[in-house]
Amino acid sequence: MEPKDFMAEAVRLATESVVNGWGGPFGSVITKDGEIVARGQNRVLLTGDPTAHGEVEAIRKAIQVLNPRAPSLSEEHHNESTLELVPRPEGSPDLLPERARMLMGCSLYTSGAPCPMCMSAIYWSRIDTVHFSSDLEATRKIGFDDAFQYEDFARPLSERRILIEQIYPELGAQAYATWTDKADHHPY
């Protein structure tokens, strides 16, 4: 398959989402080695889940496909990670020498430029490349404008639209200490 085929599939998924009333015109595919490994489409209206964007849905499915040995919480080995650790890429600002591979080696094709939430998920999943069809301006024109979020992120916490404040740092420090003290914690 070629990049145009991947994008055509992302757009097909986006269109299906709209026609079925599942959500906005956003569909995505994740590829690895020239093959589609996962598909996702916006299902916000179908599920009532504001995180059910096409990119996030595709990431969730790709992880299931590429990490099929992941144990469930009910299994005997539920504390073992199946995510391979890889060295920090050269020139990376990351402070840790290695992290979990996640979706390194994969590409994402999506019908519209990813929103801030989806871009965060893309960064965390370590997808190598993102290709989009409709840009932010086209997306804004159909009623999906994320500019206020980018503007809000740039403000100090005390000036944001949503109250964000630190409370009881000593309580959070307990969980952080548990992570730090766990000799075999798995950096991701």
C-alpha atoms as a PDB file:
ATOM      1  CA  MET A   1       0.000   0.000   0.000  1.00  0.00           C
ATOM      2  CA  GLU A   2       1.042   3.573  -0.642  1.00  0.00           C
ATOM      3  CA  PRO A   3       0.646   6.691   1.560  1.00  0.00           C
ATOM      4  CA  LYS A   4      -2.363   7.789  -0.514  1.00  0.00           C
ATOM      5  CA  ASP A   5      -4.052   4.436   0.244  1.00  0.00           C
ATOM      6  CA  PHE A   6      -3.459   4.918   3.980  1.00  0.00           C
ATOM      7  CA  MET A   7      -4.887   8.426   3.860  1.00  0.00           C
ATOM      8  CA  ALA A   8      -7.863   7.247   1.812  1.00  0.00           C
ATOM      9  CA  GLU A   9      -8.617   4.669   4.513  1.00  0.00           C
ATOM     10  CA  ALA A  10      -8.366   7.321   7.254  1.00  0.00           C
ATOM     11  CA  VAL A  11     -10.801   9.526   5.331  1.00  0.00           C
ATOM     12  CA  ARG A  12     -13.144   6.572   4.726  1.00  0.00           C
ATOM     13  CA  LEU A  13     -13.229   5.953   8.484  1.00  0.00           C
ATOM     14  CA  ALA A  14     -13.866   9.663   9.122  1.00  0.00           C
ATOM     15  CA  THR A  15     -16.744   9.720   6.655  1.00  0.00           C
ATOM     16  CA  GLU A  16     -18.249   6.556   8.151  1.00  0.00           C
ATOM     17  CA  SER A  17     -18.153   8.155  11.587  1.00  0.00           C
ATOM     18  CA  VAL A  18     -20.142  11.144  10.331  1.00  0.00           C
ATOM     19  CA  VAL A  19     -22.652   9.116   8.299  1.00  0.00           C
ATOM     20  CA  ASN A  20     -23.360   6.837  11.277  1.00  0.00           C
ATOM     21  CA  GLY A  21     -23.618   9.727  13.739  1.00  0.00           C
ATOM     22  CA  TRP A  22     -20.724   8.408  15.823  1.00  0.00           C
ATOM     23  CA  GLY A  23     -18.716  11.637  15.887  1.00  0.00           C
ATOM     24  CA  GLY A  24     -16.820  14.222  13.880  1.00  0.00           C
ATOM     25  CA  PRO A  25     -15.051  13.664  10.554  1.00  0.00           C
ATOM     26  CA  PHE A  26     -11.898  12.231  12.033  1.00  0.00           C
ATOM     27  CA  GLY A  27     -10.409   8.860  11.172  1.00  0.00           C
ATOM     28  CA  SER A  28      -6.907   7.481  11.537  1.00  0.00           C
ATOM     29  CA  VAL A  29      -4.771   4.511  10.623  1.00  0.00           C
ATOM     30  CA  ILE A  30      -1.458   3.452  12.105  1.00  0.00           C
ATOM     31  CA  THR A  31       1.009   1.704   9.844  1.00  0.00           C
ATOM     32  CA  LYS A  32       4.156  -0.305  10.395  1.00  0.00           C
ATOM     33  CA  ASP A  33       6.368  -1.707   7.658  1.00  0.00           C
ATOM     34  CA  GLY A  34       3.942  -0.597   4.947  1.00  0.00           C
ATOM     35  CA  GLU A  35       0.877  -2.295   6.451  1.00  0.00           C
ATOM     36  CA  ILE A  36      -2.067  -0.984   8.446  1.00  0.00           C
ATOM     37  CA  VAL A  37      -1.877  -2.328  12.000  1.00  0.00           C
ATOM     38  CA  ALA A  38      -4.779  -0.358  13.492  1.00  0.00           C
ATOM     39  CA  ARG A  39      -7.724   1.841  12.575  1.00  0.00           C
ATOM     40  CA  GLY A  40      -9.578   4.408  14.645  1.00  0.00           C
ATOM     41  CA  GLN A  41     -12.434   6.786  14.110  1.00  0.00           C
ATOM     42  CA  ASN A  42     -14.094   9.481  16.127  1.00  0.00           C
ATOM     43  CA  ARG A  43     -16.754   7.931  18.352  1.00  0.00           C
ATOM     44  CA  VAL A  44     -17.344  10.759  20.793  1.00  0.00           C
ATOM     45  CA  LEU A  45     -21.086  10.973  20.068  1.00  0.00           C
ATOM     46  CA  LEU A  46     -21.483   7.187  20.075  1.00  0.00           C
ATOM     47  CA  THR A  47     -19.743   6.648  23.411  1.00  0.00           C
ATOM     48  CA  GLY A  48     -20.017   9.987  25.207  1.00  0.00           C
ATOM     49  CA  ASP A  49     -16.260   9.673  25.784  1.00  0.00           C
ATOM     50  CA  PRO A  50     -14.502  12.953  24.918  1.00  0.00           C
ATOM     51  CA  THR A  51     -11.220  11.059  24.453  1.00  0.00           C
ATOM     52  CA  ALA A  52     -12.670   8.787  21.730  1.00  0.00           C
ATOM     53  CA  HIS A  53     -10.901  10.657  18.921  1.00  0.00           C
ATOM     54  CA  GLY A  54      -9.744   8.777  15.841  1.00  0.00           C
ATOM     55  CA  GLU A  55      -6.057   9.062  16.691  1.00  0.00           C
ATOM     56  CA  VAL A  56      -6.493   7.893  20.298  1.00  0.00           C
ATOM     57  CA  GLU A  57      -8.708   4.998  19.209  1.00  0.00           C
ATOM     58  CA  ALA A  58      -6.082   3.938  16.653  1.00  0.00           C
ATOM     59  CA  ILE A  59      -3.286   4.174  19.238  1.00  0.00           C
ATOM     60  CA  ARG A  60      -5.244   2.004  21.685  1.00  0.00           C
ATOM     61  CA  LYS A  61      -5.846  -0.631  19.015  1.00  0.00           C
ATOM     62  CA  ALA A  62      -2.252  -0.539  17.731  1.00  0.00           C
ATOM     63  CA  ILE A  63      -0.942  -1.232  21.222  1.00  0.00           C
ATOM     64  CA  GLN A  64      -3.249  -4.261  21.471  1.00  0.00           C
ATOM     65  CA  VAL A  65      -2.070  -5.557  18.090  1.00  0.00           C
ATOM     66  CA  LEU A  66       1.635  -4.918  18.608  1.00  0.00           C
ATOM     67  CA  ASN A  67       1.699  -5.972  22.275  1.00  0.00           C
ATOM     68  CA  PRO A  68      -0.587  -9.027  22.304  1.00  0.00           C
ATOM     69  CA  ARG A  69       1.207 -10.629  25.266  1.00  0.00           C
ATOM     70  CA  ALA A  70       0.246  -7.824  27.646  1.00  0.00           C
ATOM     71  CA  PRO A  71      -0.992  -9.522  30.814  1.00  0.00           C
ATOM     72  CA  SER A  72      -4.282  -8.579  32.397  1.00  0.00           C
ATOM     73  CA  LEU A  73      -4.540  -7.536  36.024  1.00  0.00           C
ATOM     74  CA  SER A  74      -6.042 -10.921  36.830  1.00  0.00           C
ATOM     75  CA  GLU A  75      -3.104 -12.912  35.472  1.00  0.00           C
ATOM     76  CA  GLU A  76      -0.256 -14.237  37.580  1.00  0.00           C
ATOM     77  CA  HIS A  77       2.320 -11.955  35.910  1.00  0.00           C
ATOM     78  CA  HIS A  78       0.312  -8.727  36.025  1.00  0.00           C
ATOM     79  CA  ASN A  79       3.295  -6.727  37.315  1.00  0.00           C
ATOM     80  CA  GLU A  80       5.533  -7.636  34.375  1.00  0.00           C
ATOM     81  CA  SER A  81       5.837  -5.237  31.471  1.00  0.00           C
ATOM     82  CA  THR A  82       5.980  -6.613  27.953  1.00  0.00           C
ATOM     83  CA  LEU A  83       7.141  -3.273  26.566  1.00  0.00           C
ATOM     84  CA  GLU A  84      10.689  -3.560  25.249  1.00  0.00           C
ATOM     85  CA  LEU A  85      13.107  -0.926  26.507  1.00  0.00           C
ATOM     86  CA  VAL A  86      15.101   0.984  23.889  1.00  0.00           C
ATOM     87  CA  PRO A  87      17.974   3.447  24.290  1.00  0.00           C
ATOM     88  CA  ARG A  88      17.345   7.183  24.323  1.00  0.00           C
ATOM     89  CA  PRO A  89      17.647   8.533  20.759  1.00  0.00           C
ATOM     90  CA  GLU A  90      20.747  10.598  20.102  1.00  0.00           C
ATOM     91  CA  GLY A  91      20.114  14.290  20.737  1.00  0.00           C
ATOM     92  CA  SER A  92      16.991  13.595  22.825  1.00  0.00           C
ATOM     93  CA  PRO A  93      16.421  15.908  25.808  1.00  0.00           C
ATOM     94  CA  ASP A  94      15.113  12.908  27.778  1.00  0.00           C
ATOM     95  CA  LEU A  95      16.917  12.473  31.097  1.00  0.00           C
ATOM     96  CA  LEU A  96      16.513   8.686  31.173  1.00  0.00           C
ATOM     97  CA  PRO A  97      18.893   6.416  29.244  1.00  0.00           C
ATOM     98  CA  GLU A  98      16.068   4.165  28.004  1.00  0.00           C
ATOM     99  CA  ARG A  99      12.287   3.984  27.761  1.00  0.00           C
ATOM    100  CA  ALA A 100       9.637   1.585  26.519  1.00  0.00           C
ATOM    101  CA  ARG A 101       9.455   1.256  22.714  1.00  0.00           C
ATOM    102  CA  MET A 102       5.682   1.876  22.527  1.00  0.00           C
ATOM    103  CA  LEU A 103       4.853   2.605  18.839  1.00  0.00           C
ATOM    104  CA  MET A 104       8.321   3.501  17.570  1.00  0.00           C
ATOM    105  CA  GLY A 105       8.607   2.530  13.922  1.00  0.00           C
ATOM    106  CA  CYS A 106       4.967   3.381  13.212  1.00  0.00           C
ATOM    107  CA  SER A 107       3.316   6.150  11.216  1.00  0.00           C
ATOM    108  CA  LEU A 108      -0.109   7.695  11.724  1.00  0.00           C
ATOM    109  CA  TYR A 109      -2.345   8.912   8.899  1.00  0.00           C
ATOM    110  CA  THR A 110      -5.306  11.041   9.926  1.00  0.00           C
ATOM    111  CA  SER A 111      -8.061  12.948   8.160  1.00  0.00           C
ATOM    112  CA  GLY A 112      -7.446  16.167  10.113  1.00  0.00           C
ATOM    113  CA  ALA A 113      -4.550  17.796  11.938  1.00  0.00           C
ATOM    114  CA  PRO A 114      -4.458  16.281  15.438  1.00  0.00           C
ATOM    115  CA  CYS A 115      -5.862  18.248  18.371  1.00  0.00           C
ATOM    116  CA  PRO A 116      -3.705  18.925  21.464  1.00  0.00           C
ATOM    117  CA  MET A 117      -4.936  15.782  23.249  1.00  0.00           C
ATOM    118  CA  CYS A 118      -4.190  13.581  20.264  1.00  0.00           C
ATOM    119  CA  MET A 119      -0.780  15.160  19.716  1.00  0.00           C
ATOM    120  CA  SER A 120       0.060  14.444  23.350  1.00  0.00           C
ATOM    121  CA  ALA A 121      -0.969  10.805  22.885  1.00  0.00           C
ATOM    122  CA  ILE A 122       1.117  10.657  19.694  1.00  0.00           C
ATOM    123  CA  TYR A 123       4.179  12.011  21.513  1.00  0.00           C
ATOM    124  CA  TRP A 124       3.714   9.617  24.449  1.00  0.00           C
ATOM    125  CA  SER A 125       3.250   6.643  22.130  1.00  0.00           C
ATOM    126  CA  ARG A 126       6.458   7.565  20.254  1.00  0.00           C
ATOM    127  CA  ILE A 127       4.938   7.336  16.777  1.00  0.00           C
ATOM    128  CA  ASP A 128       7.620   8.327  14.243  1.00  0.00           C
ATOM    129  CA  THR A 129       5.590  10.320  11.726  1.00  0.00           C
ATOM    130  CA  VAL A 130       2.159  11.944  11.422  1.00  0.00           C
ATOM    131  CA  HIS A 131       0.463  12.702   8.109  1.00  0.00           C
ATOM    132  CA  PHE A 132      -2.812  14.672   7.977  1.00  0.00           C
ATOM    133  CA  SER A 133      -5.145  15.639   5.175  1.00  0.00           C
ATOM    134  CA  SER A 134      -7.106  18.672   6.425  1.00  0.00           C
ATOM    135  CA  ASP A 135      -5.142  21.398   8.217  1.00  0.00           C
ATOM    136  CA  LEU A 136      -6.049  23.332  11.380  1.00  0.00           C
ATOM    137  CA  GLU A 137      -7.703  26.153   9.412  1.00  0.00           C
ATOM    138  CA  ALA A 138      -9.981  23.751   7.524  1.00  0.00           C
ATOM    139  CA  THR A 139     -10.794  22.042  10.821  1.00  0.00           C
ATOM    140  CA  ARG A 140     -11.590  25.390  12.469  1.00  0.00           C
ATOM    141  CA  LYS A 141     -13.943  26.302   9.630  1.00  0.00           C
ATOM    142  CA  ILE A 142     -16.131  23.257  10.324  1.00  0.00           C
ATOM    143  CA  GLY A 143     -16.418  24.088  14.032  1.00  0.00           C
ATOM    144  CA  PHE A 144     -13.481  22.296  15.647  1.00  0.00           C
ATOM    145  CA  ASP A 145     -11.168  25.054  16.878  1.00  0.00           C
ATOM    146  CA  ASP A 146      -8.446  24.178  19.368  1.00  0.00           C
ATOM    147  CA  ALA A 147      -6.648  27.536  19.303  1.00  0.00           C
ATOM    148  CA  PHE A 148      -7.944  28.452  22.777  1.00  0.00           C
ATOM    149  CA  GLN A 149      -6.276  25.344  24.211  1.00  0.00           C
ATOM    150  CA  TYR A 150      -2.882  26.202  22.757  1.00  0.00           C
ATOM    151  CA  GLU A 151      -3.285  29.765  24.077  1.00  0.00           C
ATOM    152  CA  ASP A 152      -4.368  28.536  27.508  1.00  0.00           C
ATOM    153  CA  PHE A 153      -1.417  26.119  27.782  1.00  0.00           C
ATOM    154  CA  ALA A 154       0.953  29.073  27.343  1.00  0.00           C
ATOM    155  CA  ARG A 155      -0.536  30.937  30.336  1.00  0.00           C
ATOM    156  CA  PRO A 156       0.650  30.539  33.931  1.00  0.00           C
ATOM    157  CA  LEU A 157      -1.498  28.036  35.868  1.00  0.00           C
ATOM    158  CA  SER A 158      -3.137  30.831  37.864  1.00  0.00           C
ATOM    159  CA  GLU A 159      -4.449  32.452  34.658  1.00  0.00           C
ATOM    160  CA  ARG A 160      -5.916  29.391  32.933  1.00  0.00           C
ATOM    161  CA  ARG A 161      -9.596  28.943  32.100  1.00  0.00           C
ATOM    162  CA  ILE A 162      -9.810  25.898  34.361  1.00  0.00           C
ATOM    163  CA  LEU A 163      -8.732  26.152  37.988  1.00  0.00           C
ATOM    164  CA  ILE A 164      -5.448  24.272  38.277  1.00  0.00           C
ATOM    165  CA  GLU A 165      -3.776  24.267  41.667  1.00  0.00           C
ATOM    166  CA  GLN A 166      -1.406  22.128  43.658  1.00  0.00           C
ATOM    167  CA  ILE A 167      -2.790  20.792  46.932  1.00  0.00           C
ATOM    168  CA  TYR A 168      -1.340  18.318  49.448  1.00  0.00           C
ATOM    169  CA  PRO A 169       2.019  17.722  47.732  1.00  0.00           C
ATOM    170  CA  GLU A 170       3.069  15.456  50.600  1.00  0.00           C
ATOM    171  CA  LEU A 171       0.384  12.956  49.556  1.00  0.00           C
ATOM    172  CA  GLY A 172       1.522  12.830  45.931  1.00  0.00           C
ATOM    173  CA  ALA A 173       5.101  12.503  47.109  1.00  0.00           C
ATOM    174  CA  GLN A 174       4.226   9.090  48.588  1.00  0.00           C
ATOM    175  CA  ALA A 175       3.352   7.635  45.169  1.00  0.00           C
ATOM    176  CA  TYR A 176       6.394   9.289  43.597  1.00  0.00           C
ATOM    177  CA  ALA A 177       8.650   7.819  46.285  1.00  0.00           C
ATOM    178  CA  THR A 178       7.178   4.363  45.665  1.00  0.00           C
ATOM    179  CA  TRP A 179       8.048   4.709  41.956  1.00  0.00           C
ATOM    180  CA  THR A 180      11.550   6.012  42.685  1.00  0.00           C
ATOM    181  CA  ASP A 181      12.269   3.323  45.292  1.00  0.00           C
ATOM    182  CA  LYS A 182      10.998   0.439  43.121  1.00  0.00           C
ATOM    183  CA  ALA A 183      14.258  -0.953  41.742  1.00  0.00           C
ATOM    184  CA  ASP A 184      12.609  -2.643  38.772  1.00  0.00           C
ATOM    185  CA  HIS A 185      10.257   0.132  37.687  1.00  0.00           C
ATOM    186  CA  HIS A 186       9.813   0.186  33.919  1.00  0.00           C
ATOM    187  CA  PRO A 187      10.343   3.658  32.399  1.00  0.00           C
ATOM    188  CA  TYR A 188       7.864   4.525  29.728  1.00  0.00           C
END
